[in-house]
Amino acid sequence: MATQYILGRHLFSCNVYPGTRAESDGAISWGTAISILPYLEALTFDDIRDTERIVPVTAVQAHYERTVLDSTCQITEILRKGGTAATGTPAVPTTGQILPILLQGFDIIKIVAVRGKQAGVSTTVNCGTYTYIGQIARGSDGHQNSGKNTATISLMPFFDGTNAPFTYAEAATS
């Protein structure tokens, strides 16, 4: 029976791209995509709209205008033993403990997540692609004595003057 809800299994892909900023002109070059989907516990985007109240002295009804588009993104990885070793300088992991390694070597990360598809199923529901370009604002990594261990990165928008840091493009459904 088909579900009417978008479930975790409807997240088709989630790739993380480490970004390096050139000292000369500040241009960002993106590293190779790292699939974090097999280890993803949570991915959250927050759309924040700063507004300003604009009301003439003679009015009794409040009116607000959007002044700034803001956002945050939080990604959480379930940590695993082993995996493919990180390579390069700074180190870029390909599997395993991806977020803790990215925390040590990068400041800017791009996340591209496609939802609405399910591997092996021909129909799609509310298919679309989220893209988030963010500056690492905070990261956490640790251990506990029972259950899973996770690492989390919180991102704030990074605007390069051209590309909006947070976008969602909906695709046609079939």
N, C-alpha and C. Protein backbone atom coordinates (compact mmCIF):
# COMPACT_ATOMS: atom_id res chain seq x y z
N MET A 1 0.85 -1.18 0.00
CA MET A 1 0.00 0.00 0.00
C MET A 1 0.89 1.24 0.00
N ALA A 2 0.57 2.15 -0.88
CA ALA A 2 1.35 3.39 -0.97
C ALA A 2 1.02 4.30 0.20
N THR A 3 2.04 4.98 0.69
CA THR A 3 1.83 5.90 1.80
C THR A 3 1.54 7.29 1.26
N GLN A 4 0.79 8.06 2.01
CA GLN A 4 0.49 9.43 1.63
C GLN A 4 1.51 10.41 2.21
N TYR A 5 2.49 9.88 2.96
CA TYR A 5 3.46 10.72 3.63
C TYR A 5 4.84 10.55 3.01
N ILE A 6 5.65 11.59 3.08
CA ILE A 6 7.04 11.49 2.66
C ILE A 6 7.81 10.92 3.85
N LEU A 7 8.43 9.78 3.63
CA LEU A 7 9.15 9.09 4.68
C LEU A 7 10.65 9.24 4.48
N GLY A 8 11.42 8.79 5.45
CA GLY A 8 12.87 8.85 5.34
C GLY A 8 13.39 8.12 4.11
N ARG A 9 12.73 7.02 3.74
CA ARG A 9 13.18 6.27 2.57
C ARG A 9 12.95 7.02 1.26
N HIS A 10 12.20 8.10 1.30
CA HIS A 10 11.98 8.91 0.10
C HIS A 10 13.08 9.93 -0.14
N LEU A 11 14.08 9.94 0.73
CA LEU A 11 15.26 10.76 0.46
C LEU A 11 16.16 9.93 -0.44
N PHE A 12 16.28 10.34 -1.67
CA PHE A 12 16.95 9.54 -2.70
C PHE A 12 18.47 9.65 -2.63
N SER A 13 18.94 10.86 -2.38
CA SER A 13 20.39 11.06 -2.28
C SER A 13 20.68 12.26 -1.39
N CYS A 14 21.85 12.25 -0.79
CA CYS A 14 22.32 13.38 0.01
C CYS A 14 23.84 13.43 -0.12
N ASN A 15 24.31 14.42 -0.81
CA ASN A 15 25.75 14.58 -1.03
C ASN A 15 26.27 15.83 -0.34
N VAL A 16 27.47 15.71 0.20
CA VAL A 16 28.15 16.82 0.85
C VAL A 16 29.37 17.16 0.00
N TYR A 17 29.54 18.45 -0.28
CA TYR A 17 30.69 18.92 -1.06
C TYR A 17 31.52 19.85 -0.18
N PRO A 18 32.75 19.50 0.13
CA PRO A 18 33.60 20.42 0.89
C PRO A 18 34.05 21.57 -0.01
N GLY A 19 34.05 22.78 0.53
CA GLY A 19 34.45 23.95 -0.25
C GLY A 19 35.74 24.56 0.26
N THR A 20 36.56 25.00 -0.69
CA THR A 20 37.81 25.68 -0.36
C THR A 20 37.77 27.06 -0.99
N ARG A 21 38.09 28.08 -0.19
CA ARG A 21 38.05 29.46 -0.67
C ARG A 21 39.45 29.90 -1.08
N ALA A 22 39.56 30.44 -2.30
CA ALA A 22 40.85 30.94 -2.80
C ALA A 22 41.23 32.21 -2.06
N GLU A 23 42.48 32.28 -1.61
CA GLU A 23 42.97 33.46 -0.89
C GLU A 23 42.99 34.70 -1.80
N SER A 24 43.26 34.51 -3.07
CA SER A 24 43.42 35.64 -3.98
C SER A 24 42.13 36.40 -4.24
N ASP A 25 41.05 35.68 -4.61
CA ASP A 25 39.81 36.37 -4.98
C ASP A 25 38.58 35.91 -4.21
N GLY A 26 38.75 34.96 -3.29
CA GLY A 26 37.64 34.48 -2.47
C GLY A 26 36.72 33.50 -3.18
N ALA A 27 37.06 33.10 -4.40
CA ALA A 27 36.23 32.15 -5.15
C ALA A 27 36.22 30.80 -4.44
N ILE A 28 35.07 30.13 -4.50
CA ILE A 28 34.93 28.82 -3.87
C ILE A 28 35.10 27.74 -4.93
N SER A 29 35.93 26.77 -4.62
CA SER A 29 36.01 25.57 -5.47
C SER A 29 35.51 24.41 -4.64
N TRP A 30 34.65 23.60 -5.28
CA TRP A 30 33.98 22.51 -4.58
C TRP A 30 34.71 21.21 -4.83
N GLY A 31 34.87 20.44 -3.77
CA GLY A 31 35.47 19.12 -3.87
C GLY A 31 34.49 18.12 -4.44
N THR A 32 34.91 16.90 -4.54
CA THR A 32 34.09 15.81 -5.04
C THR A 32 32.95 15.51 -4.08
N ALA A 33 31.80 15.13 -4.65
CA ALA A 33 30.64 14.79 -3.83
C ALA A 33 30.94 13.60 -2.94
N ILE A 34 30.50 13.69 -1.69
CA ILE A 34 30.61 12.60 -0.73
C ILE A 34 29.19 12.20 -0.36
N SER A 35 28.81 10.97 -0.66
CA SER A 35 27.47 10.51 -0.32
C SER A 35 27.40 10.20 1.17
N ILE A 36 26.54 10.91 1.87
CA ILE A 36 26.39 10.70 3.31
C ILE A 36 25.08 9.96 3.62
N LEU A 37 24.29 9.67 2.59
CA LEU A 37 22.97 9.07 2.78
C LEU A 37 22.99 7.78 3.59
N PRO A 38 23.94 6.85 3.37
CA PRO A 38 23.91 5.61 4.17
C PRO A 38 24.12 5.83 5.66
N TYR A 39 24.64 6.99 6.05
CA TYR A 39 24.97 7.27 7.45
C TYR A 39 24.15 8.42 8.03
N LEU A 40 23.21 8.94 7.24
CA LEU A 40 22.45 10.13 7.62
C LEU A 40 21.39 9.80 8.66
N GLU A 41 21.44 10.50 9.80
CA GLU A 41 20.38 10.35 10.79
C GLU A 41 19.32 11.44 10.61
N ALA A 42 19.75 12.67 10.33
CA ALA A 42 18.80 13.76 10.20
C ALA A 42 19.39 14.86 9.32
N LEU A 43 18.50 15.51 8.59
CA LEU A 43 18.85 16.67 7.77
C LEU A 43 17.70 17.66 7.89
N THR A 44 17.99 18.85 8.42
CA THR A 44 16.95 19.84 8.68
C THR A 44 17.34 21.18 8.08
N PHE A 45 16.39 21.79 7.38
CA PHE A 45 16.57 23.14 6.85
C PHE A 45 15.57 24.05 7.55
N ASP A 46 16.02 25.20 8.00
CA ASP A 46 15.14 26.19 8.60
C ASP A 46 15.16 27.44 7.74
N ASP A 47 13.99 27.85 7.30
CA ASP A 47 13.84 29.08 6.51
C ASP A 47 13.43 30.18 7.47
N ILE A 48 14.26 31.20 7.61
CA ILE A 48 14.02 32.27 8.57
C ILE A 48 13.84 33.57 7.80
N ARG A 49 12.77 34.26 8.05
CA ARG A 49 12.49 35.51 7.33
C ARG A 49 12.42 36.66 8.33
N ASP A 50 13.43 37.50 8.28
CA ASP A 50 13.41 38.70 9.11
C ASP A 50 12.39 39.66 8.52
N THR A 51 11.60 40.24 9.39
CA THR A 51 10.59 41.19 8.94
C THR A 51 10.67 42.46 9.78
N GLU A 52 10.11 43.50 9.23
CA GLU A 52 10.05 44.76 9.94
C GLU A 52 8.61 45.25 9.94
N ARG A 53 8.16 45.68 11.09
CA ARG A 53 6.80 46.19 11.20
C ARG A 53 6.76 47.61 10.66
N ILE A 54 5.88 47.82 9.71
CA ILE A 54 5.72 49.14 9.11
C ILE A 54 4.24 49.51 9.22
N VAL A 55 3.98 50.47 10.09
CA VAL A 55 2.60 50.86 10.35
C VAL A 55 2.53 52.38 10.48
N PRO A 56 1.67 53.03 9.69
CA PRO A 56 1.49 54.47 9.88
C PRO A 56 0.83 54.75 11.24
N VAL A 57 1.03 55.92 11.74
CA VAL A 57 0.49 56.27 13.06
C VAL A 57 -1.03 56.22 13.10
N THR A 58 -1.67 56.31 11.94
CA THR A 58 -3.13 56.31 11.90
C THR A 58 -3.72 54.92 11.76
N ALA A 59 -2.90 53.90 11.59
CA ALA A 59 -3.40 52.53 11.38
C ALA A 59 -3.52 51.77 12.69
N VAL A 60 -4.46 50.81 12.71
CA VAL A 60 -4.60 49.95 13.88
C VAL A 60 -4.16 48.51 13.57
N GLN A 61 -4.00 48.20 12.32
CA GLN A 61 -3.57 46.87 11.92
C GLN A 61 -2.07 46.86 11.66
N ALA A 62 -1.41 45.84 12.16
CA ALA A 62 0.03 45.71 11.93
C ALA A 62 0.27 45.24 10.49
N HIS A 63 1.39 45.65 9.94
CA HIS A 63 1.80 45.22 8.60
C HIS A 63 3.31 44.96 8.64
N TYR A 64 3.74 43.83 8.10
CA TYR A 64 5.15 43.46 8.11
C TYR A 64 5.67 43.28 6.70
N GLU A 65 6.88 43.72 6.49
CA GLU A 65 7.59 43.53 5.21
C GLU A 65 8.83 42.68 5.46
N ARG A 66 9.07 41.75 4.55
CA ARG A 66 10.28 40.93 4.65
C ARG A 66 11.49 41.81 4.31
N THR A 67 12.50 41.75 5.17
CA THR A 67 13.70 42.55 4.94
C THR A 67 14.92 41.70 4.66
N VAL A 68 14.98 40.48 5.21
CA VAL A 68 16.14 39.62 5.02
C VAL A 68 15.66 38.16 4.94
N LEU A 69 16.21 37.42 3.97
CA LEU A 69 15.99 35.98 3.92
C LEU A 69 17.17 35.32 4.61
N ASP A 70 16.89 34.51 5.59
CA ASP A 70 17.95 33.84 6.35
C ASP A 70 17.59 32.36 6.44
N SER A 71 18.52 31.56 6.86
CA SER A 71 18.26 30.13 6.95
C SER A 71 19.35 29.47 7.79
N THR A 72 19.07 28.24 8.18
CA THR A 72 20.07 27.40 8.82
C THR A 72 19.91 25.99 8.29
N CYS A 73 20.93 25.19 8.45
CA CYS A 73 20.88 23.79 8.06
C CYS A 73 21.62 22.99 9.12
N GLN A 74 21.05 21.86 9.47
CA GLN A 74 21.72 20.98 10.43
C GLN A 74 21.72 19.57 9.85
N ILE A 75 22.87 18.92 9.87
CA ILE A 75 23.03 17.58 9.34
C ILE A 75 23.68 16.71 10.42
N THR A 76 23.12 15.51 10.61
CA THR A 76 23.62 14.61 11.64
C THR A 76 23.96 13.26 11.00
N GLU A 77 25.16 12.79 11.31
CA GLU A 77 25.67 11.53 10.77
C GLU A 77 25.78 10.50 11.90
N ILE A 78 25.36 9.27 11.62
CA ILE A 78 25.60 8.17 12.55
C ILE A 78 27.02 7.68 12.29
N LEU A 79 27.85 7.72 13.31
CA LEU A 79 29.27 7.39 13.14
C LEU A 79 29.47 5.88 13.03
N ARG A 80 30.40 5.51 12.16
CA ARG A 80 30.72 4.11 11.94
C ARG A 80 32.21 3.88 12.07
N LYS A 81 32.58 2.66 12.41
CA LYS A 81 33.99 2.30 12.44
C LYS A 81 34.46 2.06 11.01
N GLY A 82 35.76 2.19 10.81
CA GLY A 82 36.33 1.86 9.50
C GLY A 82 35.98 2.89 8.45
N GLY A 83 35.74 2.42 7.25
CA GLY A 83 35.46 3.31 6.14
C GLY A 83 36.73 3.59 5.37
N THR A 84 36.59 4.38 4.33
CA THR A 84 37.73 4.72 3.50
C THR A 84 38.46 5.90 4.11
N ALA A 85 39.76 5.80 4.17
CA ALA A 85 40.57 6.84 4.81
C ALA A 85 40.45 8.16 4.06
N ALA A 86 40.59 9.22 4.82
CA ALA A 86 40.58 10.55 4.24
C ALA A 86 41.87 10.78 3.46
N THR A 87 41.75 11.51 2.36
CA THR A 87 42.92 11.80 1.54
C THR A 87 43.00 13.28 1.24
N GLY A 88 44.17 13.73 0.81
CA GLY A 88 44.35 15.12 0.39
C GLY A 88 44.63 16.04 1.56
N THR A 89 44.88 17.30 1.20
CA THR A 89 45.10 18.33 2.20
C THR A 89 44.24 19.53 1.83
N PRO A 90 43.22 19.89 2.59
CA PRO A 90 42.79 19.21 3.80
C PRO A 90 42.18 17.84 3.47
N ALA A 91 42.11 16.98 4.48
CA ALA A 91 41.63 15.62 4.31
C ALA A 91 40.17 15.59 3.89
N VAL A 92 39.84 14.75 2.92
CA VAL A 92 38.47 14.58 2.44
C VAL A 92 38.09 13.11 2.59
N PRO A 93 37.15 12.80 3.48
CA PRO A 93 36.75 11.41 3.65
C PRO A 93 35.82 10.97 2.52
N THR A 94 35.72 9.70 2.26
CA THR A 94 34.77 9.20 1.27
C THR A 94 33.71 8.32 1.91
N THR A 95 34.00 7.65 3.00
CA THR A 95 32.98 6.90 3.75
C THR A 95 33.34 6.94 5.22
N GLY A 96 32.41 6.49 6.06
CA GLY A 96 32.70 6.41 7.49
C GLY A 96 32.43 7.71 8.22
N GLN A 97 33.39 8.21 8.95
CA GLN A 97 33.21 9.38 9.80
C GLN A 97 33.42 10.66 8.98
N ILE A 98 32.41 11.03 8.24
CA ILE A 98 32.51 12.14 7.28
C ILE A 98 32.50 13.50 7.97
N LEU A 99 31.48 13.77 8.78
CA LEU A 99 31.34 15.10 9.38
C LEU A 99 32.48 15.46 10.33
N PRO A 100 32.95 14.56 11.20
CA PRO A 100 34.07 14.95 12.07
C PRO A 100 35.32 15.34 11.28
N ILE A 101 35.56 14.67 10.18
CA ILE A 101 36.74 15.01 9.37
C ILE A 101 36.53 16.35 8.65
N LEU A 102 35.32 16.58 8.13
CA LEU A 102 35.05 17.87 7.48
C LEU A 102 35.17 19.03 8.46
N LEU A 103 34.79 18.80 9.72
CA LEU A 103 34.90 19.85 10.74
C LEU A 103 36.35 20.30 10.93
N GLN A 104 37.28 19.39 10.75
CA GLN A 104 38.69 19.71 10.98
C GLN A 104 39.35 20.45 9.82
N GLY A 105 38.80 20.32 8.60
CA GLY A 105 39.52 20.87 7.47
C GLY A 105 38.81 21.89 6.62
N PHE A 106 37.53 22.14 6.87
CA PHE A 106 36.76 23.02 5.98
C PHE A 106 35.90 23.99 6.76
N ASP A 107 35.59 25.11 6.15
CA ASP A 107 34.68 26.09 6.73
C ASP A 107 33.37 26.18 5.96
N ILE A 108 33.41 25.85 4.67
CA ILE A 108 32.25 26.01 3.80
C ILE A 108 31.87 24.65 3.23
N ILE A 109 30.58 24.35 3.27
CA ILE A 109 30.07 23.06 2.80
C ILE A 109 28.82 23.30 1.98
N LYS A 110 28.68 22.51 0.91
CA LYS A 110 27.44 22.52 0.13
C LYS A 110 26.77 21.16 0.31
N ILE A 111 25.47 21.18 0.58
CA ILE A 111 24.69 19.96 0.72
C ILE A 111 23.63 19.95 -0.38
N VAL A 112 23.55 18.84 -1.11
CA VAL A 112 22.53 18.67 -2.14
C VAL A 112 21.76 17.39 -1.82
N ALA A 113 20.46 17.54 -1.55
CA ALA A 113 19.62 16.41 -1.17
C ALA A 113 18.42 16.33 -2.11
N VAL A 114 18.17 15.14 -2.64
CA VAL A 114 17.03 14.91 -3.54
C VAL A 114 16.02 14.06 -2.79
N ARG A 115 14.80 14.56 -2.70
CA ARG A 115 13.75 13.79 -2.03
C ARG A 115 12.60 13.50 -2.98
N GLY A 116 11.83 12.49 -2.61
CA GLY A 116 10.65 12.16 -3.40
C GLY A 116 10.85 10.96 -4.30
N LYS A 117 12.06 10.42 -4.33
CA LYS A 117 12.30 9.22 -5.13
C LYS A 117 12.64 8.10 -4.17
N GLN A 118 12.42 6.89 -4.62
CA GLN A 118 12.79 5.74 -3.82
C GLN A 118 13.48 4.75 -4.76
N ALA A 119 14.64 4.29 -4.40
CA ALA A 119 15.39 3.36 -5.24
C ALA A 119 14.54 2.14 -5.56
N GLY A 120 14.51 1.76 -6.84
CA GLY A 120 13.78 0.58 -7.26
C GLY A 120 12.30 0.80 -7.49
N VAL A 121 11.80 2.01 -7.28
CA VAL A 121 10.38 2.30 -7.49
C VAL A 121 10.26 3.34 -8.59
N SER A 122 9.36 3.09 -9.55
CA SER A 122 9.28 3.97 -10.71
C SER A 122 8.54 5.27 -10.44
N THR A 123 7.66 5.32 -9.45
CA THR A 123 6.91 6.54 -9.19
C THR A 123 7.64 7.44 -8.20
N THR A 124 7.42 8.71 -8.36
CA THR A 124 8.01 9.68 -7.43
C THR A 124 6.90 10.54 -6.85
N VAL A 125 7.14 11.05 -5.67
CA VAL A 125 6.16 11.88 -4.98
C VAL A 125 6.84 13.15 -4.50
N ASN A 126 6.30 14.30 -4.85
CA ASN A 126 6.85 15.58 -4.40
C ASN A 126 8.36 15.62 -4.57
N CYS A 127 8.82 15.27 -5.74
CA CYS A 127 10.25 15.19 -5.99
C CYS A 127 10.85 16.58 -6.11
N GLY A 128 11.96 16.80 -5.45
CA GLY A 128 12.63 18.08 -5.55
C GLY A 128 14.04 17.99 -5.00
N THR A 129 14.78 19.05 -5.24
CA THR A 129 16.18 19.08 -4.81
C THR A 129 16.43 20.29 -3.91
N TYR A 130 16.95 20.01 -2.72
CA TYR A 130 17.42 21.06 -1.82
C TYR A 130 18.90 21.27 -2.06
N THR A 131 19.31 22.53 -2.11
CA THR A 131 20.73 22.85 -2.16
C THR A 131 20.99 23.90 -1.09
N TYR A 132 21.98 23.63 -0.25
CA TYR A 132 22.33 24.56 0.82
C TYR A 132 23.83 24.78 0.81
N ILE A 133 24.24 26.05 0.73
CA ILE A 133 25.65 26.43 0.80
C ILE A 133 25.83 27.16 2.12
N GLY A 134 26.66 26.59 2.99
CA GLY A 134 26.76 27.16 4.32
C GLY A 134 28.15 27.21 4.90
N GLN A 135 28.31 28.17 5.78
CA GLN A 135 29.51 28.33 6.59
C GLN A 135 29.28 27.51 7.86
N ILE A 136 30.25 26.69 8.24
CA ILE A 136 30.09 25.91 9.47
C ILE A 136 30.02 26.88 10.65
N ALA A 137 28.92 26.82 11.39
CA ALA A 137 28.73 27.68 12.56
C ALA A 137 29.07 26.93 13.83
N ARG A 138 28.84 25.62 13.80
CA ARG A 138 29.07 24.82 15.00
C ARG A 138 29.09 23.36 14.61
N GLY A 139 29.83 22.59 15.37
CA GLY A 139 29.89 21.15 15.14
C GLY A 139 29.98 20.42 16.46
N SER A 140 29.44 19.21 16.49
CA SER A 140 29.55 18.39 17.69
C SER A 140 29.90 16.97 17.29
N ASP A 141 30.68 16.33 18.14
CA ASP A 141 31.14 14.97 17.90
C ASP A 141 31.41 14.38 19.27
N GLY A 142 31.00 13.15 19.51
CA GLY A 142 31.25 12.60 20.84
C GLY A 142 30.85 11.16 20.93
N HIS A 143 30.94 10.65 22.14
CA HIS A 143 30.64 9.24 22.40
C HIS A 143 29.76 9.11 23.63
N GLN A 144 29.00 8.05 23.64
CA GLN A 144 28.20 7.71 24.81
C GLN A 144 28.36 6.22 25.08
N ASN A 145 27.93 5.78 26.24
CA ASN A 145 28.19 4.39 26.62
C ASN A 145 27.18 3.40 26.08
N SER A 146 26.07 3.86 25.54
CA SER A 146 25.11 2.94 24.93
C SER A 146 24.44 3.63 23.76
N GLY A 147 24.03 2.83 22.81
CA GLY A 147 23.36 3.38 21.63
C GLY A 147 24.34 3.92 20.61
N LYS A 148 23.82 4.64 19.67
CA LYS A 148 24.64 5.14 18.57
C LYS A 148 25.38 6.41 18.96
N ASN A 149 26.49 6.65 18.27
CA ASN A 149 27.24 7.89 18.42
C ASN A 149 27.06 8.68 17.13
N THR A 150 26.90 9.98 17.29
CA THR A 150 26.63 10.82 16.13
C THR A 150 27.54 12.04 16.12
N ALA A 151 27.63 12.65 14.94
CA ALA A 151 28.29 13.95 14.78
C ALA A 151 27.31 14.86 14.06
N THR A 152 27.31 16.13 14.41
CA THR A 152 26.38 17.09 13.82
C THR A 152 27.14 18.34 13.40
N ILE A 153 26.75 18.87 12.25
CA ILE A 153 27.26 20.17 11.80
C ILE A 153 26.07 21.09 11.59
N SER A 154 26.16 22.30 12.14
CA SER A 154 25.17 23.34 11.91
C SER A 154 25.78 24.37 10.98
N LEU A 155 25.02 24.72 9.95
CA LEU A 155 25.49 25.68 8.94
C LEU A 155 24.65 26.94 8.94
N MET A 156 25.32 28.05 8.68
CA MET A 156 24.66 29.33 8.44
C MET A 156 24.90 29.67 6.98
N PRO A 157 24.01 30.44 6.34
CA PRO A 157 24.13 30.67 4.91
C PRO A 157 25.43 31.39 4.52
N PHE A 158 25.99 30.94 3.41
CA PHE A 158 27.16 31.58 2.82
C PHE A 158 26.73 32.11 1.47
N PHE A 159 26.67 33.43 1.34
CA PHE A 159 26.24 34.06 0.08
C PHE A 159 27.47 34.58 -0.65
N ASP A 160 27.70 34.02 -1.83
CA ASP A 160 28.87 34.41 -2.61
C ASP A 160 28.62 35.60 -3.52
N GLY A 161 27.46 36.22 -3.40
CA GLY A 161 27.13 37.38 -4.22
C GLY A 161 26.37 36.99 -5.48
N THR A 162 26.33 35.70 -5.79
CA THR A 162 25.66 35.23 -7.01
C THR A 162 24.59 34.20 -6.70
N ASN A 163 24.97 33.14 -6.02
CA ASN A 163 24.07 32.01 -5.79
C ASN A 163 23.38 32.13 -4.43
N ALA A 164 22.06 31.97 -4.43
CA ALA A 164 21.33 31.97 -3.17
C ALA A 164 21.80 30.79 -2.34
N PRO A 165 22.06 30.98 -1.04
CA PRO A 165 22.59 29.89 -0.23
C PRO A 165 21.61 28.75 0.02
N PHE A 166 20.30 29.00 -0.09
CA PHE A 166 19.32 27.96 0.19
C PHE A 166 18.27 27.96 -0.90
N THR A 167 18.19 26.86 -1.66
CA THR A 167 17.20 26.78 -2.74
C THR A 167 16.51 25.42 -2.70
N TYR A 168 15.30 25.40 -3.23
CA TYR A 168 14.55 24.16 -3.42
C TYR A 168 13.94 24.22 -4.80
N ALA A 169 14.24 23.25 -5.62
CA ALA A 169 13.69 23.17 -6.97
C ALA A 169 12.83 21.94 -7.06
N GLU A 170 11.54 22.12 -7.33
CA GLU A 170 10.65 20.99 -7.43
C GLU A 170 10.68 20.43 -8.84
N ALA A 171 10.68 19.13 -8.93
CA ALA A 171 10.67 18.45 -10.23
C ALA A 171 9.29 17.88 -10.48
N ALA A 172 9.05 17.53 -11.71
CA ALA A 172 7.77 16.95 -12.07
C ALA A 172 7.61 15.58 -11.40
N THR A 173 6.39 15.27 -11.02
CA THR A 173 6.13 13.96 -10.43
C THR A 173 5.62 13.01 -11.51
N SER A 174 5.83 11.75 -11.28
CA SER A 174 5.36 10.76 -12.26
C SER A 174 4.56 9.69 -11.57
